[in-house]
Amino acid sequence: MIIRLRRQQVKATDKQFFIAEDLPRKVDEANVKKEKKAGNLKVVWISRIAPKKNLKYAIEILEETKSDIEFTIYGPAHTEEYWKECKQELRKLPSNVKWEWKGNLDSESVVETLKHYHVFLFPTLGENFGHVIQEALSAGCPCIISDQTPWRDFESQGVGYVFSLENKSAFVNAVEKYAVMKQEEFQNAVEKAHQYAIDVSNSKAKNTGYRTIFEI
């Protein structure tokens, strides 16, 4: 797995510095099962509604889809003017895309909530780590994200896609690819995403600088 961390915490003693990375939550290793019909996709977006999180771009992606899409948005309207722009864009969605905004979501409920959806769409303008991406993977959601995060190897690992924001058609095609998947093929992607999250969590727990700090 390839994750490039941009921000780390540092603790200093008299003579030593230790690097302590942000730690994702431990992943529940119980199997994640999802039902899916070919031609239908439940897409979820979760974050605060602000320009940096790029909800409007996610909506524009879905405007170009042909499959039946259920698009659910979670998050507080952090920037009211931007939310107004997003709602204007939502009204342009074609009849094959049904959408709903469910407001804020308690942090403790994120993973369990995400288990009800198929794919996490997150074309963010920038994340230092993107804990919500790890949470989506933990819930068995393949992720379609921008290249403005440390996450890189999703496609090679079969857990999603990472695209430049200049390539909107790639995002659209990825959504359609998951939409046409049948149950068995999609369940395989779910299991890969879940296992990837477990591997990330375990790897960070073993290699974190916190262990060194606590041994001081």
C-alpha atoms as a PDB file:
ATOM      1  CA  MET A   1       0.000   0.000   0.000  1.00  0.00           C
ATOM      2  CA  ILE A   2       1.173   3.533  -0.745  1.00  0.00           C
ATOM      3  CA  ILE A   3       0.167   6.398   1.519  1.00  0.00           C
ATOM      4  CA  ARG A   4       2.211   9.578   1.534  1.00  0.00           C
ATOM      5  CA  LEU A   5       1.817  11.428   4.804  1.00  0.00           C
ATOM      6  CA  ARG A   6       2.017  15.191   4.657  1.00  0.00           C
ATOM      7  CA  ARG A   7       1.734  16.090   8.315  1.00  0.00           C
ATOM      8  CA  GLN A   8       3.265  14.473  11.381  1.00  0.00           C
ATOM      9  CA  GLN A   9       3.351  15.327  15.053  1.00  0.00           C
ATOM     10  CA  VAL A  10       6.693  15.730  16.775  1.00  0.00           C
ATOM     11  CA  LYS A  11       7.574  15.301  20.442  1.00  0.00           C
ATOM     12  CA  ALA A  12      10.919  16.541  21.692  1.00  0.00           C
ATOM     13  CA  THR A  13      12.985  15.434  24.646  1.00  0.00           C
ATOM     14  CA  ASP A  14      16.262  17.056  25.690  1.00  0.00           C
ATOM     15  CA  LYS A  15      18.223  15.340  22.936  1.00  0.00           C
ATOM     16  CA  GLN A  16      15.788  13.406  20.774  1.00  0.00           C
ATOM     17  CA  PHE A  17      12.958  13.910  18.325  1.00  0.00           C
ATOM     18  CA  PHE A  18      10.371  11.228  17.606  1.00  0.00           C
ATOM     19  CA  ILE A  19       7.890  11.221  14.736  1.00  0.00           C
ATOM     20  CA  ALA A  20       4.314  10.296  15.678  1.00  0.00           C
ATOM     21  CA  GLU A  21       1.895   9.858  12.787  1.00  0.00           C
ATOM     22  CA  ASP A  22      -1.868  10.372  12.905  1.00  0.00           C
ATOM     23  CA  LEU A  23      -3.434   7.028  13.782  1.00  0.00           C
ATOM     24  CA  PRO A  24      -6.624   5.753  12.133  1.00  0.00           C
ATOM     25  CA  ARG A  25      -9.147   3.943  14.290  1.00  0.00           C
ATOM     26  CA  LYS A  26      -8.821   0.195  14.680  1.00  0.00           C
ATOM     27  CA  VAL A  27     -10.880  -1.559  12.018  1.00  0.00           C
ATOM     28  CA  ASP A  28     -13.553  -4.100  12.920  1.00  0.00           C
ATOM     29  CA  GLU A  29     -12.393  -7.254  11.143  1.00  0.00           C
ATOM     30  CA  ALA A  30     -15.865  -8.817  10.893  1.00  0.00           C
ATOM     31  CA  ASN A  31     -16.859  -9.481   7.279  1.00  0.00           C
ATOM     32  CA  VAL A  32     -18.766  -6.725   5.487  1.00  0.00           C
ATOM     33  CA  LYS A  33     -21.570  -7.881   3.184  1.00  0.00           C
ATOM     34  CA  LYS A  34     -23.425  -5.643   0.748  1.00  0.00           C
ATOM     35  CA  GLU A  35     -26.257  -6.244  -1.685  1.00  0.00           C
ATOM     36  CA  LYS A  36     -26.088  -4.686  -5.122  1.00  0.00           C
ATOM     37  CA  LYS A  37     -27.968  -4.885  -8.405  1.00  0.00           C
ATOM     38  CA  ALA A  38     -26.276  -4.280 -11.744  1.00  0.00           C
ATOM     39  CA  GLY A  39     -27.131  -0.831 -13.071  1.00  0.00           C
ATOM     40  CA  ASN A  40     -27.719   0.683  -9.636  1.00  0.00           C
ATOM     41  CA  LEU A  41     -25.236   2.376  -7.308  1.00  0.00           C
ATOM     42  CA  LYS A  42     -25.522   3.964  -3.876  1.00  0.00           C
ATOM     43  CA  VAL A  43     -22.950   6.760  -3.790  1.00  0.00           C
ATOM     44  CA  VAL A  44     -22.107   8.565  -0.566  1.00  0.00           C
ATOM     45  CA  TRP A  45     -20.234  11.793   0.176  1.00  0.00           C
ATOM     46  CA  ILE A  46     -19.369  12.816   3.716  1.00  0.00           C
ATOM     47  CA  SER A  47     -17.503  15.885   4.940  1.00  0.00           C
ATOM     48  CA  ARG A  48     -18.194  19.465   5.948  1.00  0.00           C
ATOM     49  CA  ILE A  49     -19.777  21.316   3.046  1.00  0.00           C
ATOM     50  CA  ALA A  50     -17.083  23.816   2.097  1.00  0.00           C
ATOM     51  CA  PRO A  51     -15.216  24.627  -1.140  1.00  0.00           C
ATOM     52  CA  LYS A  52     -12.110  22.631  -0.177  1.00  0.00           C
ATOM     53  CA  LYS A  53     -14.115  19.407   0.075  1.00  0.00           C
ATOM     54  CA  ASN A  54     -15.405  19.894  -3.488  1.00  0.00           C
ATOM     55  CA  LEU A  55     -18.973  18.624  -3.196  1.00  0.00           C
ATOM     56  CA  LYS A  56     -20.000  20.713  -6.200  1.00  0.00           C
ATOM     57  CA  TYR A  57     -17.508  18.850  -8.379  1.00  0.00           C
ATOM     58  CA  ALA A  58     -18.862  15.515  -7.126  1.00  0.00           C
ATOM     59  CA  ILE A  59     -22.336  16.625  -8.188  1.00  0.00           C
ATOM     60  CA  GLU A  60     -21.010  17.643 -11.608  1.00  0.00           C
ATOM     61  CA  ILE A  61     -19.540  14.157 -11.982  1.00  0.00           C
ATOM     62  CA  LEU A  62     -22.906  12.560 -11.295  1.00  0.00           C
ATOM     63  CA  GLU A  63     -24.599  14.881 -13.791  1.00  0.00           C
ATOM     64  CA  GLU A  64     -22.833  12.923 -16.529  1.00  0.00           C
ATOM     65  CA  THR A  65     -23.752   9.419 -15.362  1.00  0.00           C
ATOM     66  CA  LYS A  66     -26.276   7.180 -17.119  1.00  0.00           C
ATOM     67  CA  SER A  67     -26.885   4.466 -14.513  1.00  0.00           C
ATOM     68  CA  ASP A  68     -29.400   4.708 -11.679  1.00  0.00           C
ATOM     69  CA  ILE A  69     -27.634   6.521  -8.854  1.00  0.00           C
ATOM     70  CA  GLU A  70     -28.716   7.153  -5.270  1.00  0.00           C
ATOM     71  CA  PHE A  71     -26.539   9.981  -3.977  1.00  0.00           C
ATOM     72  CA  THR A  72     -26.503  10.697  -0.244  1.00  0.00           C
ATOM     73  CA  ILE A  73     -24.727  13.682   1.284  1.00  0.00           C
ATOM     74  CA  TYR A  74     -23.659  13.903   4.934  1.00  0.00           C
ATOM     75  CA  GLY A  75     -22.086  16.918   6.571  1.00  0.00           C
ATOM     76  CA  PRO A  76     -22.842  20.355   8.000  1.00  0.00           C
ATOM     77  CA  ALA A  77     -23.259  23.355   5.711  1.00  0.00           C
ATOM     78  CA  HIS A  78     -20.023  24.956   6.873  1.00  0.00           C
ATOM     79  CA  THR A  79     -20.137  27.596   4.137  1.00  0.00           C
ATOM     80  CA  GLU A  80     -23.716  28.676   3.423  1.00  0.00           C
ATOM     81  CA  GLU A  81     -22.970  30.420   0.133  1.00  0.00           C
ATOM     82  CA  TYR A  82     -21.151  27.354  -1.178  1.00  0.00           C
ATOM     83  CA  TRP A  83     -24.035  25.107  -0.076  1.00  0.00           C
ATOM     84  CA  LYS A  84     -26.403  27.315  -2.079  1.00  0.00           C
ATOM     85  CA  GLU A  85     -24.212  26.756  -5.144  1.00  0.00           C
ATOM     86  CA  CYS A  86     -24.252  23.019  -4.510  1.00  0.00           C
ATOM     87  CA  LYS A  87     -28.041  22.969  -4.220  1.00  0.00           C
ATOM     88  CA  GLN A  88     -28.316  24.810  -7.522  1.00  0.00           C
ATOM     89  CA  GLU A  89     -26.132  22.117  -9.077  1.00  0.00           C
ATOM     90  CA  LEU A  90     -28.140  19.339  -7.422  1.00  0.00           C
ATOM     91  CA  ARG A  91     -31.265  20.652  -9.132  1.00  0.00           C
ATOM     92  CA  LYS A  92     -29.549  20.051 -12.471  1.00  0.00           C
ATOM     93  CA  LEU A  93     -29.073  16.338 -11.843  1.00  0.00           C
ATOM     94  CA  PRO A  94     -30.747  14.089 -14.431  1.00  0.00           C
ATOM     95  CA  SER A  95     -33.702  11.888 -13.533  1.00  0.00           C
ATOM     96  CA  ASN A  96     -31.486   8.812 -13.110  1.00  0.00           C
ATOM     97  CA  VAL A  97     -29.796  10.428 -10.083  1.00  0.00           C
ATOM     98  CA  LYS A  98     -31.762  10.712  -6.849  1.00  0.00           C
ATOM     99  CA  TRP A  99     -30.160  12.715  -4.058  1.00  0.00           C
ATOM    100  CA  GLU A 100     -30.657  13.407  -0.369  1.00  0.00           C
ATOM    101  CA  TRP A 101     -28.850  15.558   2.193  1.00  0.00           C
ATOM    102  CA  LYS A 102     -28.958  14.042   5.672  1.00  0.00           C
ATOM    103  CA  GLY A 103     -27.103  16.760   7.563  1.00  0.00           C
ATOM    104  CA  ASN A 104     -24.407  16.178  10.130  1.00  0.00           C
ATOM    105  CA  LEU A 105     -23.332  12.708  11.242  1.00  0.00           C
ATOM    106  CA  ASP A 106     -21.880  11.813  14.629  1.00  0.00           C
ATOM    107  CA  SER A 107     -18.251  10.729  14.259  1.00  0.00           C
ATOM    108  CA  GLU A 108     -18.910   7.479  16.116  1.00  0.00           C
ATOM    109  CA  SER A 109     -21.586   6.528  13.570  1.00  0.00           C
ATOM    110  CA  VAL A 110     -19.606   7.138  10.386  1.00  0.00           C
ATOM    111  CA  VAL A 111     -18.348   3.617   9.648  1.00  0.00           C
ATOM    112  CA  GLU A 112     -21.630   1.861  10.437  1.00  0.00           C
ATOM    113  CA  THR A 113     -23.506   4.402   8.321  1.00  0.00           C
ATOM    114  CA  LEU A 114     -21.136   3.999   5.387  1.00  0.00           C
ATOM    115  CA  LYS A 115     -21.789   0.257   5.359  1.00  0.00           C
ATOM    116  CA  HIS A 116     -25.204   1.035   3.838  1.00  0.00           C
ATOM    117  CA  TYR A 117     -23.613   2.514   0.701  1.00  0.00           C
ATOM    118  CA  HIS A 118     -21.650   1.121  -2.213  1.00  0.00           C
ATOM    119  CA  VAL A 119     -19.049   3.740  -3.179  1.00  0.00           C
ATOM    120  CA  PHE A 120     -17.461   6.772  -1.523  1.00  0.00           C
ATOM    121  CA  LEU A 121     -17.000   9.689  -3.951  1.00  0.00           C
ATOM    122  CA  PHE A 122     -14.603  12.338  -2.649  1.00  0.00           C
ATOM    123  CA  PRO A 123     -12.887  14.643  -5.186  1.00  0.00           C
ATOM    124  CA  THR A 124     -11.367  16.792  -2.443  1.00  0.00           C
ATOM    125  CA  LEU A 125      -9.057  19.724  -3.142  1.00  0.00           C
ATOM    126  CA  GLY A 126      -6.644  18.505  -0.481  1.00  0.00           C
ATOM    127  CA  GLU A 127      -6.241  16.282   2.590  1.00  0.00           C
ATOM    128  CA  ASN A 128      -3.256  15.657   4.875  1.00  0.00           C
ATOM    129  CA  PHE A 129      -4.448  12.103   5.489  1.00  0.00           C
ATOM    130  CA  GLY A 130      -8.180  11.903   4.945  1.00  0.00           C
ATOM    131  CA  HIS A 131      -9.503   9.858   7.855  1.00  0.00           C
ATOM    132  CA  VAL A 132     -12.914   9.682   6.200  1.00  0.00           C
ATOM    133  CA  ILE A 133     -11.289   7.780   3.330  1.00  0.00           C
ATOM    134  CA  GLN A 134      -9.951   5.199   5.780  1.00  0.00           C
ATOM    135  CA  GLU A 135     -13.400   5.031   7.385  1.00  0.00           C
ATOM    136  CA  ALA A 136     -15.038   4.441   4.015  1.00  0.00           C
ATOM    137  CA  LEU A 137     -12.620   1.611   3.263  1.00  0.00           C
ATOM    138  CA  SER A 138     -13.291   0.195   6.734  1.00  0.00           C
ATOM    139  CA  ALA A 139     -16.980   0.088   5.788  1.00  0.00           C
ATOM    140  CA  GLY A 140     -16.193  -1.816   2.605  1.00  0.00           C
ATOM    141  CA  CYS A 141     -16.732   1.162   0.299  1.00  0.00           C
ATOM    142  CA  PRO A 142     -14.415   1.365  -2.704  1.00  0.00           C
ATOM    143  CA  CYS A 143     -13.277   4.994  -2.970  1.00  0.00           C
ATOM    144  CA  ILE A 144     -13.188   7.292  -5.991  1.00  0.00           C
ATOM    145  CA  ILE A 145     -11.035  10.224  -4.922  1.00  0.00           C
ATOM    146  CA  SER A 146      -8.828  13.011  -6.242  1.00  0.00           C
ATOM    147  CA  ASP A 147      -5.044  12.856  -6.322  1.00  0.00           C
ATOM    148  CA  GLN A 148      -4.899  15.644  -3.721  1.00  0.00           C
ATOM    149  CA  THR A 149      -4.510  13.205  -0.813  1.00  0.00           C
ATOM    150  CA  PRO A 150      -1.671  10.885   0.287  1.00  0.00           C
ATOM    151  CA  TRP A 151      -3.568   7.803  -0.971  1.00  0.00           C
ATOM    152  CA  ARG A 152      -2.173   6.456  -4.235  1.00  0.00           C
ATOM    153  CA  ASP A 153      -2.468   2.732  -5.034  1.00  0.00           C
ATOM    154  CA  PHE A 154      -6.223   2.174  -4.986  1.00  0.00           C
ATOM    155  CA  GLU A 155      -6.558   0.920  -8.549  1.00  0.00           C
ATOM    156  CA  SER A 156      -3.691  -1.580  -8.317  1.00  0.00           C
ATOM    157  CA  GLN A 157      -5.135  -2.906  -5.055  1.00  0.00           C
ATOM    158  CA  GLY A 158      -8.660  -3.121  -6.442  1.00  0.00           C
ATOM    159  CA  VAL A 159     -10.123  -0.771  -3.816  1.00  0.00           C
ATOM    160  CA  GLY A 160     -10.992   2.280  -5.894  1.00  0.00           C
ATOM    161  CA  TYR A 161      -9.524   4.977  -8.117  1.00  0.00           C
ATOM    162  CA  VAL A 162      -7.411   8.118  -7.753  1.00  0.00           C
ATOM    163  CA  PHE A 163      -7.729  10.762 -10.473  1.00  0.00           C
ATOM    164  CA  SER A 164      -6.598  14.254 -11.329  1.00  0.00           C
ATOM    165  CA  LEU A 165      -9.342  16.830 -10.918  1.00  0.00           C
ATOM    166  CA  GLU A 166      -8.626  17.861 -14.495  1.00  0.00           C
ATOM    167  CA  ASN A 167      -9.953  14.494 -15.684  1.00  0.00           C
ATOM    168  CA  LYS A 168     -13.663  14.577 -14.868  1.00  0.00           C
ATOM    169  CA  SER A 169     -14.476  11.899 -17.441  1.00  0.00           C
ATOM    170  CA  ALA A 170     -12.289   9.441 -15.509  1.00  0.00           C
ATOM    171  CA  PHE A 171     -14.410  10.009 -12.397  1.00  0.00           C
ATOM    172  CA  VAL A 172     -17.591   9.504 -14.419  1.00  0.00           C
ATOM    173  CA  ASN A 173     -16.286   6.290 -15.966  1.00  0.00           C
ATOM    174  CA  ALA A 174     -15.275   4.943 -12.549  1.00  0.00           C
ATOM    175  CA  VAL A 175     -18.754   5.584 -11.151  1.00  0.00           C
ATOM    176  CA  GLU A 176     -20.269   3.804 -14.150  1.00  0.00           C
ATOM    177  CA  LYS A 177     -17.870   0.891 -13.766  1.00  0.00           C
ATOM    178  CA  TYR A 178     -19.082   0.239 -10.234  1.00  0.00           C
ATOM    179  CA  ALA A 179     -22.697   0.864 -11.215  1.00  0.00           C
ATOM    180  CA  VAL A 180     -22.759  -1.935 -13.793  1.00  0.00           C
ATOM    181  CA  MET A 181     -21.116  -4.469 -11.479  1.00  0.00           C
ATOM    182  CA  LYS A 182     -23.158  -7.459 -10.410  1.00  0.00           C
ATOM    183  CA  GLN A 183     -23.351  -8.702  -6.830  1.00  0.00           C
ATOM    184  CA  GLU A 184     -20.452 -11.165  -6.875  1.00  0.00           C
ATOM    185  CA  GLU A 185     -17.981  -8.840  -8.569  1.00  0.00           C
ATOM    186  CA  PHE A 186     -18.900  -5.935  -6.335  1.00  0.00           C
ATOM    187  CA  GLN A 187     -18.716  -8.014  -3.165  1.00  0.00           C
ATOM    188  CA  ASN A 188     -15.155  -8.877  -4.141  1.00  0.00           C
ATOM    189  CA  ALA A 189     -14.367  -5.143  -4.294  1.00  0.00           C
ATOM    190  CA  VAL A 190     -16.030  -4.666  -0.895  1.00  0.00           C
ATOM    191  CA  GLU A 191     -13.852  -7.350   0.673  1.00  0.00           C
ATOM    192  CA  LYS A 192     -10.694  -5.897  -0.855  1.00  0.00           C
ATOM    193  CA  ALA A 193     -11.533  -2.413   0.450  1.00  0.00           C
ATOM    194  CA  HIS A 194     -12.224  -3.741   3.935  1.00  0.00           C
ATOM    195  CA  GLN A 195      -9.011  -5.773   4.027  1.00  0.00           C
ATOM    196  CA  TYR A 196      -7.022  -2.806   2.741  1.00  0.00           C
ATOM    197  CA  ALA A 197      -8.326  -0.719   5.653  1.00  0.00           C
ATOM    198  CA  ILE A 198      -7.355  -3.457   8.103  1.00  0.00           C
ATOM    199  CA  ASP A 199      -3.853  -3.595   6.632  1.00  0.00           C
ATOM    200  CA  VAL A 200      -3.455   0.191   6.840  1.00  0.00           C
ATOM    201  CA  SER A 201      -4.623   0.246  10.453  1.00  0.00           C
ATOM    202  CA  ASN A 202      -2.361  -2.616  11.501  1.00  0.00           C
ATOM    203  CA  SER A 203       0.640  -1.207   9.663  1.00  0.00           C
ATOM    204  CA  LYS A 204       0.313   2.198  11.284  1.00  0.00           C
ATOM    205  CA  ALA A 205      -0.172   0.680  14.733  1.00  0.00           C
ATOM    206  CA  LYS A 206       3.092  -1.250  14.359  1.00  0.00           C
ATOM    207  CA  ASN A 207       5.175   1.514  12.827  1.00  0.00           C
ATOM    208  CA  THR A 208       3.952   4.597  14.643  1.00  0.00           C
ATOM    209  CA  GLY A 209       6.286   6.871  16.550  1.00  0.00           C
ATOM    210  CA  TYR A 210       3.884   6.812  19.501  1.00  0.00           C
ATOM    211  CA  ARG A 211       5.350   3.506  20.613  1.00  0.00           C
ATOM    212  CA  THR A 212       8.769   5.132  20.873  1.00  0.00           C
ATOM    213  CA  ILE A 213       7.330   8.112  22.732  1.00  0.00           C
ATOM    214  CA  PHE A 214       5.652   5.945  25.347  1.00  0.00           C
ATOM    215  CA  GLU A 215       8.921   4.101  25.945  1.00  0.00           C
ATOM    216  CA  ILE A 216      10.680   7.317  26.974  1.00  0.00           C
END
